[in-house]
Amino acid sequence: MAGGTEIGWEPHQVALPGGGPPAAVTVAPVALHLLGAVENGPRRTPCAAGPEPEGLGPLEGTVLDCLHEPLTARELVRHPDVRLGRP
């Protein structure tokens, strides 16, 4: 993903040390939103909205796949594909 920080870390990598895997999964839709791949769906939940950006890492790709149906942050963190780290 091209939205990394100046130190070369992706947004979810920055969130991981402070909040663990749930924080990394919660930040991923924000990064995807900034790339135009996610927008607000029903009940203001994140939902996939456009073509998949090139260069997504495994976490962002899995999160985007899960967001083809609107999910709350809590549902996303508990989604089996995200928990198992399936690409």
PDB file of N, CA and C in Angstrom:
ATOM      1  N   MET A   1       0.846  -1.175   0.000  1.00  0.00           N
ATOM      2  CA  MET A   1       0.000   0.000   0.000  1.00  0.00           C
ATOM      3  C   MET A   1       0.883   1.227   0.000  1.00  0.00           C
ATOM      4  N   ALA A   2       0.526   2.196  -0.772  1.00  0.00           N
ATOM      5  CA  ALA A   2       1.371   3.372  -0.973  1.00  0.00           C
ATOM      6  C   ALA A   2       1.160   4.447   0.083  1.00  0.00           C
ATOM      7  N   GLY A   3       0.330   4.206   1.090  1.00  0.00           N
ATOM      8  CA  GLY A   3       0.033   5.243   2.069  1.00  0.00           C
ATOM      9  C   GLY A   3       0.911   5.191   3.298  1.00  0.00           C
ATOM     10  N   GLY A   4       2.103   4.618   3.185  1.00  0.00           N
ATOM     11  CA  GLY A   4       2.964   4.451   4.341  1.00  0.00           C
ATOM     12  C   GLY A   4       3.476   5.761   4.907  1.00  0.00           C
ATOM     13  N   THR A   5       4.028   5.678   6.073  1.00  0.00           N
ATOM     14  CA  THR A   5       4.579   6.851   6.735  1.00  0.00           C
ATOM     15  C   THR A   5       5.997   7.093   6.241  1.00  0.00           C
ATOM     16  N   GLU A   6       6.611   8.168   6.710  1.00  0.00           N
ATOM     17  CA  GLU A   6       7.974   8.495   6.290  1.00  0.00           C
ATOM     18  C   GLU A   6       8.982   7.449   6.735  1.00  0.00           C
ATOM     19  N   ILE A   7       8.678   6.693   7.779  1.00  0.00           N
ATOM     20  CA  ILE A   7       9.610   5.664   8.235  1.00  0.00           C
ATOM     21  C   ILE A   7       9.383   4.339   7.515  1.00  0.00           C
ATOM     22  N   GLY A   8       8.436   4.322   6.579  1.00  0.00           N
ATOM     23  CA  GLY A   8       8.205   3.125   5.783  1.00  0.00           C
ATOM     24  C   GLY A   8       7.187   2.169   6.368  1.00  0.00           C
ATOM     25  N   TRP A   9       6.526   2.542   7.430  1.00  0.00           N
ATOM     26  CA  TRP A   9       5.516   1.673   8.032  1.00  0.00           C
ATOM     27  C   TRP A   9       4.152   1.994   7.450  1.00  0.00           C
ATOM     28  N   GLU A  10       3.344   0.971   7.303  1.00  0.00           N
ATOM     29  CA  GLU A  10       1.965   1.135   6.883  1.00  0.00           C
ATOM     30  C   GLU A  10       1.129   1.525   8.106  1.00  0.00           C
ATOM     31  N   PRO A  11      -0.046   2.122   7.896  1.00  0.00           N
ATOM     32  CA  PRO A  11      -0.866   2.552   9.033  1.00  0.00           C
ATOM     33  C   PRO A  11      -1.155   1.438  10.050  1.00  0.00           C
ATOM     34  N   HIS A  12      -1.447   0.238   9.573  1.00  0.00           N
ATOM     35  CA  HIS A  12      -1.745  -0.839  10.526  1.00  0.00           C
ATOM     36  C   HIS A  12      -0.507  -1.243  11.324  1.00  0.00           C
ATOM     37  N   GLN A  13       0.681  -1.085  10.741  1.00  0.00           N
ATOM     38  CA  GLN A  13       1.904  -1.401  11.468  1.00  0.00           C
ATOM     39  C   GLN A  13       2.170  -0.391  12.579  1.00  0.00           C
ATOM     40  N   VAL A  14       1.763   0.843  12.360  1.00  0.00           N
ATOM     41  CA  VAL A  14       1.920   1.879  13.384  1.00  0.00           C
ATOM     42  C   VAL A  14       0.949   1.602  14.534  1.00  0.00           C
ATOM     43  N   ALA A  15      -0.264   1.149  14.218  1.00  0.00           N
ATOM     44  CA  ALA A  15      -1.284   0.893  15.244  1.00  0.00           C
ATOM     45  C   ALA A  15      -0.997  -0.370  16.045  1.00  0.00           C
ATOM     46  N   LEU A  16      -0.329  -1.335  15.452  1.00  0.00           N
ATOM     47  CA  LEU A  16      -0.130  -2.638  16.086  1.00  0.00           C
ATOM     48  C   LEU A  16       0.560  -2.582  17.454  1.00  0.00           C
ATOM     49  N   PRO A  17       1.693  -1.884  17.617  1.00  0.00           N
ATOM     50  CA  PRO A  17       2.339  -1.893  18.934  1.00  0.00           C
ATOM     51  C   PRO A  17       1.494  -1.264  20.039  1.00  0.00           C
ATOM     52  N   GLY A  18       0.705  -0.260  19.704  1.00  0.00           N
ATOM     53  CA  GLY A  18      -0.075   0.423  20.731  1.00  0.00           C
ATOM     54  C   GLY A  18      -1.359  -0.269  21.123  1.00  0.00           C
ATOM     55  N   GLY A  19      -1.963  -0.987  20.191  1.00  0.00           N
ATOM     56  CA  GLY A  19      -3.267  -1.580  20.478  1.00  0.00           C
ATOM     57  C   GLY A  19      -3.431  -3.012  20.049  1.00  0.00           C
ATOM     58  N   GLY A  20      -2.376  -3.622  19.561  1.00  0.00           N
ATOM     59  CA  GLY A  20      -2.436  -5.010  19.151  1.00  0.00           C
ATOM     60  C   GLY A  20      -3.234  -5.215  17.869  1.00  0.00           C
ATOM     61  N   PRO A  21      -3.521  -6.487  17.551  1.00  0.00           N
ATOM     62  CA  PRO A  21      -4.243  -6.800  16.320  1.00  0.00           C
ATOM     63  C   PRO A  21      -5.581  -6.078  16.155  1.00  0.00           C
ATOM     64  N   PRO A  22      -6.388  -5.903  17.221  1.00  0.00           N
ATOM     65  CA  PRO A  22      -7.638  -5.166  17.005  1.00  0.00           C
ATOM     66  C   PRO A  22      -7.417  -3.741  16.504  1.00  0.00           C
ATOM     67  N   ALA A  23      -6.388  -3.078  16.981  1.00  0.00           N
ATOM     68  CA  ALA A  23      -6.103  -1.714  16.522  1.00  0.00           C
ATOM     69  C   ALA A  23      -5.672  -1.721  15.063  1.00  0.00           C
ATOM     70  N   ALA A  24      -4.851  -2.699  14.677  1.00  0.00           N
ATOM     71  CA  ALA A  24      -4.403  -2.789  13.291  1.00  0.00           C
ATOM     72  C   ALA A  24      -5.582  -3.014  12.351  1.00  0.00           C
ATOM     73  N   VAL A  25      -6.516  -3.876  12.743  1.00  0.00           N
ATOM     74  CA  VAL A  25      -7.696  -4.154  11.912  1.00  0.00           C
ATOM     75  C   VAL A  25      -8.613  -2.942  11.867  1.00  0.00           C
ATOM     76  N   THR A  26      -8.705  -2.191  12.935  1.00  0.00           N
ATOM     77  CA  THR A  26      -9.554  -1.007  12.976  1.00  0.00           C
ATOM     78  C   THR A  26      -8.997   0.107  12.088  1.00  0.00           C
ATOM     79  N   VAL A  27      -7.687   0.202  11.978  1.00  0.00           N
ATOM     80  CA  VAL A  27      -7.052   1.240  11.169  1.00  0.00           C
ATOM     81  C   VAL A  27      -7.105   0.897   9.676  1.00  0.00           C
ATOM     82  N   ALA A  28      -7.130  -0.371   9.328  1.00  0.00           N
ATOM     83  CA  ALA A  28      -7.100  -0.781   7.918  1.00  0.00           C
ATOM     84  C   ALA A  28      -8.233  -0.160   7.093  1.00  0.00           C
ATOM     85  N   PRO A  29      -9.497  -0.141   7.559  1.00  0.00           N
ATOM     86  CA  PRO A  29     -10.536   0.506   6.744  1.00  0.00           C
ATOM     87  C   PRO A  29     -10.307   2.007   6.540  1.00  0.00           C
ATOM     88  N   VAL A  30      -9.686   2.654   7.504  1.00  0.00           N
ATOM     89  CA  VAL A  30      -9.383   4.081   7.347  1.00  0.00           C
ATOM     90  C   VAL A  30      -8.383   4.264   6.205  1.00  0.00           C
ATOM     91  N   ALA A  31      -7.343   3.443   6.193  1.00  0.00           N
ATOM     92  CA  ALA A  31      -6.357   3.521   5.115  1.00  0.00           C
ATOM     93  C   ALA A  31      -7.010   3.207   3.767  1.00  0.00           C
ATOM     94  N   LEU A  32      -7.892   2.215   3.742  1.00  0.00           N
ATOM     95  CA  LEU A  32      -8.594   1.869   2.506  1.00  0.00           C
ATOM     96  C   LEU A  32      -9.525   2.997   2.068  1.00  0.00           C
ATOM     97  N   HIS A  33     -10.134   3.678   3.020  1.00  0.00           N
ATOM     98  CA  HIS A  33     -10.993   4.817   2.701  1.00  0.00           C
ATOM     99  C   HIS A  33     -10.173   5.933   2.043  1.00  0.00           C
ATOM    100  N   LEU A  34      -8.991   6.188   2.568  1.00  0.00           N
ATOM    101  CA  LEU A  34      -8.130   7.223   1.997  1.00  0.00           C
ATOM    102  C   LEU A  34      -7.694   6.879   0.573  1.00  0.00           C
ATOM    103  N   LEU A  35      -7.694   5.592   0.229  1.00  0.00           N
ATOM    104  CA  LEU A  35      -7.351   5.152  -1.121  1.00  0.00           C
ATOM    105  C   LEU A  35      -8.575   5.099  -2.037  1.00  0.00           C
ATOM    106  N   GLY A  36      -9.761   5.388  -1.483  1.00  0.00           N
ATOM    107  CA  GLY A  36     -10.984   5.377  -2.277  1.00  0.00           C
ATOM    108  C   GLY A  36     -11.614   4.009  -2.453  1.00  0.00           C
ATOM    109  N   ALA A  37     -11.150   3.015  -1.707  1.00  0.00           N
ATOM    110  CA  ALA A  37     -11.666   1.654  -1.855  1.00  0.00           C
ATOM    111  C   ALA A  37     -12.813   1.355  -0.900  1.00  0.00           C
ATOM    112  N   VAL A  38     -13.027   2.212   0.097  1.00  0.00           N
ATOM    113  CA  VAL A  38     -14.059   1.998   1.107  1.00  0.00           C
ATOM    114  C   VAL A  38     -14.825   3.297   1.309  1.00  0.00           C
ATOM    115  N   GLU A  39     -16.130   3.183   1.476  1.00  0.00           N
ATOM    116  CA  GLU A  39     -16.962   4.344   1.797  1.00  0.00           C
ATOM    117  C   GLU A  39     -17.947   3.940   2.884  1.00  0.00           C
ATOM    118  N   ASN A  40     -18.691   4.923   3.391  1.00  0.00           N
ATOM    119  CA  ASN A  40     -19.695   4.624   4.409  1.00  0.00           C
ATOM    120  C   ASN A  40     -20.857   3.878   3.781  1.00  0.00           C
ATOM    121  N   GLY A  41     -21.237   2.777   4.414  1.00  0.00           N
ATOM    122  CA  GLY A  41     -22.382   1.993   3.979  1.00  0.00           C
ATOM    123  C   GLY A  41     -23.547   2.215   4.927  1.00  0.00           C
ATOM    124  N   PRO A  42     -24.468   1.255   4.960  1.00  0.00           N
ATOM    125  CA  PRO A  42     -25.602   1.370   5.879  1.00  0.00           C
ATOM    126  C   PRO A  42     -25.125   1.505   7.329  1.00  0.00           C
ATOM    127  N   ARG A  43     -25.848   2.285   8.098  1.00  0.00           N
ATOM    128  CA  ARG A  43     -25.530   2.526   9.514  1.00  0.00           C
ATOM    129  C   ARG A  43     -24.113   3.094   9.684  1.00  0.00           C
ATOM    130  N   ARG A  44     -23.609   3.793   8.643  1.00  0.00           N
ATOM    131  CA  ARG A  44     -22.276   4.401   8.668  1.00  0.00           C
ATOM    132  C   ARG A  44     -21.176   3.381   8.931  1.00  0.00           C
ATOM    133  N   THR A  45     -21.366   2.171   8.435  1.00  0.00           N
ATOM    134  CA  THR A  45     -20.338   1.136   8.531  1.00  0.00           C
ATOM    135  C   THR A  45     -19.480   1.173   7.274  1.00  0.00           C
ATOM    136  N   PRO A  46     -18.194   0.826   7.373  1.00  0.00           N
ATOM    137  CA  PRO A  46     -17.362   0.812   6.175  1.00  0.00           C
ATOM    138  C   PRO A  46     -17.813  -0.286   5.216  1.00  0.00           C
ATOM    139  N   CYS A  47     -17.748   0.001   3.924  1.00  0.00           N
ATOM    140  CA  CYS A  47     -18.176  -0.942   2.904  1.00  0.00           C
ATOM    141  C   CYS A  47     -17.306  -0.734   1.661  1.00  0.00           C
ATOM    142  N   ALA A  48     -16.881  -1.837   1.023  1.00  0.00           N
ATOM    143  CA  ALA A  48     -16.074  -1.735  -0.195  1.00  0.00           C
ATOM    144  C   ALA A  48     -16.823  -0.921  -1.235  1.00  0.00           C
ATOM    145  N   ALA A  49     -16.100  -0.059  -1.956  1.00  0.00           N
ATOM    146  CA  ALA A  49     -16.776   0.891  -2.830  1.00  0.00           C
ATOM    147  C   ALA A  49     -16.196   1.005  -4.224  1.00  0.00           C
ATOM    148  N   GLY A  50     -15.084   0.487  -4.495  1.00  0.00           N
ATOM    149  CA  GLY A  50     -14.505   0.700  -5.803  1.00  0.00           C
ATOM    150  C   GLY A  50     -13.521  -0.391  -6.135  1.00  0.00           C
ATOM    151  N   PRO A  51     -12.747  -0.158  -7.168  1.00  0.00           N
ATOM    152  CA  PRO A  51     -11.759  -1.170  -7.532  1.00  0.00           C
ATOM    153  C   PRO A  51     -10.691  -1.303  -6.448  1.00  0.00           C
ATOM    154  N   GLU A  52     -10.151  -2.492  -6.343  1.00  0.00           N
ATOM    155  CA  GLU A  52      -9.107  -2.731  -5.341  1.00  0.00           C
ATOM    156  C   GLU A  52      -7.835  -2.003  -5.755  1.00  0.00           C
ATOM    157  N   PRO A  53      -7.303  -1.162  -4.870  1.00  0.00           N
ATOM    158  CA  PRO A  53      -6.055  -0.464  -5.187  1.00  0.00           C
ATOM    159  C   PRO A  53      -4.906  -1.461  -5.357  1.00  0.00           C
ATOM    160  N   GLU A  54      -3.953  -1.100  -6.172  1.00  0.00           N
ATOM    161  CA  GLU A  54      -2.786  -1.960  -6.361  1.00  0.00           C
ATOM    162  C   GLU A  54      -1.867  -1.877  -5.160  1.00  0.00           C
ATOM    163  N   GLY A  55      -1.161  -2.962  -4.913  1.00  0.00           N
ATOM    164  CA  GLY A  55      -0.140  -2.969  -3.881  1.00  0.00           C
ATOM    165  C   GLY A  55      -0.640  -3.123  -2.461  1.00  0.00           C
ATOM    166  N   LEU A  56      -1.862  -3.626  -2.281  1.00  0.00           N
ATOM    167  CA  LEU A  56      -2.357  -3.823  -0.918  1.00  0.00           C
ATOM    168  C   LEU A  56      -1.609  -4.967  -0.252  1.00  0.00           C
ATOM    169  N   GLY A  57      -1.338  -4.805   1.029  1.00  0.00           N
ATOM    170  CA  GLY A  57      -0.751  -5.879   1.799  1.00  0.00           C
ATOM    171  C   GLY A  57      -1.804  -6.918   2.151  1.00  0.00           C
ATOM    172  N   PRO A  58      -1.390  -8.015   2.759  1.00  0.00           N
ATOM    173  CA  PRO A  58      -2.336  -9.077   3.089  1.00  0.00           C
ATOM    174  C   PRO A  58      -3.460  -8.633   4.029  1.00  0.00           C
ATOM    175  N   LEU A  59      -3.142  -7.821   5.028  1.00  0.00           N
ATOM    176  CA  LEU A  59      -4.180  -7.386   5.960  1.00  0.00           C
ATOM    177  C   LEU A  59      -5.211  -6.511   5.257  1.00  0.00           C
ATOM    178  N   GLU A  60      -4.757  -5.521   4.510  1.00  0.00           N
ATOM    179  CA  GLU A  60      -5.696  -4.640   3.825  1.00  0.00           C
ATOM    180  C   GLU A  60      -6.530  -5.400   2.798  1.00  0.00           C
ATOM    181  N   GLY A  61      -5.908  -6.342   2.087  1.00  0.00           N
ATOM    182  CA  GLY A  61      -6.638  -7.142   1.115  1.00  0.00           C
ATOM    183  C   GLY A  61      -7.720  -7.984   1.761  1.00  0.00           C
ATOM    184  N   THR A  62      -7.406  -8.598   2.889  1.00  0.00           N
ATOM    185  CA  THR A  62      -8.392  -9.402   3.608  1.00  0.00           C
ATOM    186  C   THR A  62      -9.516  -8.532   4.143  1.00  0.00           C
ATOM    187  N   VAL A  63      -9.165  -7.390   4.706  1.00  0.00           N
ATOM    188  CA  VAL A  63     -10.181  -6.473   5.230  1.00  0.00           C
ATOM    189  C   VAL A  63     -11.087  -5.995   4.104  1.00  0.00           C
ATOM    190  N   LEU A  64     -10.518  -5.636   2.973  1.00  0.00           N
ATOM    191  CA  LEU A  64     -11.329  -5.179   1.848  1.00  0.00           C
ATOM    192  C   LEU A  64     -12.265  -6.281   1.363  1.00  0.00           C
ATOM    193  N   ASP A  65     -11.774  -7.504   1.298  1.00  0.00           N
ATOM    194  CA  ASP A  65     -12.637  -8.625   0.902  1.00  0.00           C
ATOM    195  C   ASP A  65     -13.808  -8.782   1.871  1.00  0.00           C
ATOM    196  N   CYS A  66     -13.551  -8.614   3.151  1.00  0.00           N
ATOM    197  CA  CYS A  66     -14.610  -8.746   4.164  1.00  0.00           C
ATOM    198  C   CYS A  66     -15.617  -7.601   4.073  1.00  0.00           C
ATOM    199  N   LEU A  67     -15.194  -6.462   3.578  1.00  0.00           N
ATOM    200  CA  LEU A  67     -16.070  -5.289   3.555  1.00  0.00           C
ATOM    201  C   LEU A  67     -16.970  -5.220   2.326  1.00  0.00           C
ATOM    202  N   HIS A  68     -17.093  -6.326   1.597  1.00  0.00           N
ATOM    203  CA  HIS A  68     -18.078  -6.358   0.520  1.00  0.00           C
ATOM    204  C   HIS A  68     -19.478  -6.424   1.118  1.00  0.00           C
ATOM    205  N   GLU A  69     -19.553  -6.716   2.405  1.00  0.00           N
ATOM    206  CA  GLU A  69     -20.779  -6.558   3.174  1.00  0.00           C
ATOM    207  C   GLU A  69     -20.447  -5.578   4.297  1.00  0.00           C
ATOM    208  N   PRO A  70     -21.339  -4.648   4.610  1.00  0.00           N
ATOM    209  CA  PRO A  70     -21.019  -3.668   5.653  1.00  0.00           C
ATOM    210  C   PRO A  70     -20.827  -4.342   7.014  1.00  0.00           C
ATOM    211  N   LEU A  71     -19.750  -4.004   7.682  1.00  0.00           N
ATOM    212  CA  LEU A  71     -19.443  -4.551   9.010  1.00  0.00           C
ATOM    213  C   LEU A  71     -19.012  -3.424   9.934  1.00  0.00           C
ATOM    214  N   THR A  72     -19.398  -3.527  11.199  1.00  0.00           N
ATOM    215  CA  THR A  72     -18.897  -2.589  12.193  1.00  0.00           C
ATOM    216  C   THR A  72     -17.446  -2.961  12.502  1.00  0.00           C
ATOM    217  N   ALA A  73     -16.738  -2.076  13.173  1.00  0.00           N
ATOM    218  CA  ALA A  73     -15.354  -2.368  13.549  1.00  0.00           C
ATOM    219  C   ALA A  73     -15.290  -3.620  14.423  1.00  0.00           C
ATOM    220  N   ARG A  74     -16.217  -3.753  15.334  1.00  0.00           N
ATOM    221  CA  ARG A  74     -16.234  -4.934  16.208  1.00  0.00           C
ATOM    222  C   ARG A  74     -16.458  -6.213  15.402  1.00  0.00           C
ATOM    223  N   GLU A  75     -17.390  -6.166  14.440  1.00  0.00           N
ATOM    224  CA  GLU A  75     -17.639  -7.343  13.596  1.00  0.00           C
ATOM    225  C   GLU A  75     -16.426  -7.662  12.738  1.00  0.00           C
ATOM    226  N   LEU A  76     -15.763  -6.636  12.244  1.00  0.00           N
ATOM    227  CA  LEU A  76     -14.587  -6.834  11.394  1.00  0.00           C
ATOM    228  C   LEU A  76     -13.450  -7.489  12.177  1.00  0.00           C
ATOM    229  N   VAL A  77     -13.204  -7.012  13.379  1.00  0.00           N
ATOM    230  CA  VAL A  77     -12.138  -7.590  14.210  1.00  0.00           C
ATOM    231  C   VAL A  77     -12.426  -9.059  14.512  1.00  0.00           C
ATOM    232  N   ARG A  78     -13.689  -9.413  14.642  1.00  0.00           N
ATOM    233  CA  ARG A  78     -14.069 -10.793  14.973  1.00  0.00           C
ATOM    234  C   ARG A  78     -14.321 -11.675  13.750  1.00  0.00           C
ATOM    235  N   HIS A  79     -14.248 -11.107  12.553  1.00  0.00           N
ATOM    236  CA  HIS A  79     -14.514 -11.875  11.334  1.00  0.00           C
ATOM    237  C   HIS A  79     -13.501 -13.019  11.221  1.00  0.00           C
ATOM    238  N   PRO A  80     -13.954 -14.239  10.916  1.00  0.00           N
ATOM    239  CA  PRO A  80     -13.038 -15.393  10.874  1.00  0.00           C
ATOM    240  C   PRO A  80     -11.878 -15.223   9.899  1.00  0.00           C
ATOM    241  N   ASP A  81     -12.113 -14.632   8.730  1.00  0.00           N
ATOM    242  CA  ASP A  81     -11.018 -14.458   7.770  1.00  0.00           C
ATOM    243  C   ASP A  81      -9.953 -13.510   8.302  1.00  0.00           C
ATOM    244  N   VAL A  82     -10.368 -12.461   8.978  1.00  0.00           N
ATOM    245  CA  VAL A  82      -9.420 -11.509   9.545  1.00  0.00           C
ATOM    246  C   VAL A  82      -8.662 -12.149  10.700  1.00  0.00           C
ATOM    247  N   ARG A  83      -9.369 -12.879  11.543  1.00  0.00           N
ATOM    248  CA  ARG A  83      -8.729 -13.523  12.699  1.00  0.00           C
ATOM    249  C   ARG A  83      -7.695 -14.563  12.272  1.00  0.00           C
ATOM    250  N   LEU A  84      -7.981 -15.266  11.169  1.00  0.00           N
ATOM    251  CA  LEU A  84      -7.066 -16.300  10.703  1.00  0.00           C
ATOM    252  C   LEU A  84      -5.991 -15.753   9.782  1.00  0.00           C
ATOM    253  N   GLY A  85      -6.125 -14.478   9.386  1.00  0.00           N
ATOM    254  CA  GLY A  85      -5.124 -13.869   8.526  1.00  0.00           C
ATOM    255  C   GLY A  85      -5.129 -14.404   7.109  1.00  0.00           C
ATOM    256  N   ARG A  86      -6.314 -14.775   6.628  1.00  0.00           N
ATOM    257  CA  ARG A  86      -6.391 -15.279   5.251  1.00  0.00           C
ATOM    258  C   ARG A  86      -6.223 -14.140   4.274  1.00  0.00           C
ATOM    259  N   PRO A  87      -5.363 -14.311   3.280  1.00  0.00           N
ATOM    260  CA  PRO A  87      -5.200 -13.262   2.265  1.00  0.00           C
ATOM    261  C   PRO A  87      -6.360 -13.220   1.307  1.00  0.00           C
TER     262      PRO A  87
END
